[in-house]
Amino acid sequence: MPHPTPVPEFIRRWQASGAAERTNFPQFAVELGDILHVPIRRVSGH
């Protein structure tokens, strides 16, 4: 598992994400799961 992003950095980055919520959601979910130490099932494109 990658190193979790510090919470303030995570918030700062995602506040600036703009209106592309659906496009950015997979990465948001992975990073949030890493911060919370919750395993996120990564789905392949197949």
Protein backbone atom coordinates (compact mmCIF):
# COMPACT_ATOMS: atom_id res chain seq x y z
CA MET A 1 0.00 0.00 0.00
CA PRO A 2 1.38 3.47 -0.82
CA HIS A 3 2.21 5.89 1.96
CA PRO A 4 -0.86 7.83 3.02
CA THR A 5 -1.11 11.48 2.07
CA PRO A 6 -1.11 13.79 5.10
CA VAL A 7 -4.65 15.01 5.76
CA PRO A 8 -4.04 18.76 5.24
CA GLU A 9 -2.35 18.06 1.88
CA PHE A 10 -5.22 15.77 0.86
CA ILE A 11 -7.82 18.43 1.73
CA ARG A 12 -5.90 21.19 -0.01
CA ARG A 13 -5.50 19.15 -3.20
CA TRP A 14 -9.12 18.01 -3.39
CA GLN A 15 -10.63 21.39 -2.56
CA ALA A 16 -9.02 22.67 -5.73
CA SER A 17 -10.26 19.77 -7.89
CA GLY A 18 -13.07 21.82 -9.41
CA ALA A 19 -16.18 20.43 -11.04
CA ALA A 20 -14.70 17.15 -12.31
CA GLU A 21 -15.94 15.10 -9.33
CA ARG A 22 -16.97 12.04 -11.32
CA THR A 23 -13.71 11.95 -13.24
CA ASN A 24 -11.63 12.35 -10.09
CA PHE A 25 -13.63 10.09 -7.77
CA PRO A 26 -11.56 6.89 -8.22
CA GLN A 27 -8.33 8.64 -7.24
CA PHE A 28 -10.10 10.50 -4.42
CA ALA A 29 -11.46 7.23 -3.02
CA VAL A 30 -8.06 5.52 -3.16
CA GLU A 31 -6.30 8.40 -1.41
CA LEU A 32 -9.04 8.72 1.22
CA GLY A 33 -8.90 4.98 1.87
CA ASP A 34 -5.13 5.19 2.30
CA ILE A 35 -5.47 8.02 4.84
CA LEU A 36 -8.14 6.12 6.77
CA HIS A 37 -6.25 2.80 6.47
CA VAL A 38 -9.26 1.26 4.74
CA PRO A 39 -8.52 -1.12 1.88
CA ILE A 40 -10.10 0.06 -1.36
CA ARG A 41 -10.85 -2.52 -4.02
CA ARG A 42 -9.09 -1.35 -7.16
CA VAL A 43 -11.02 -2.35 -10.26
CA SER A 44 -9.18 -2.94 -13.50
CA GLY A 45 -10.53 -1.63 -16.78
CA HIS A 46 -11.14 -5.16 -18.12
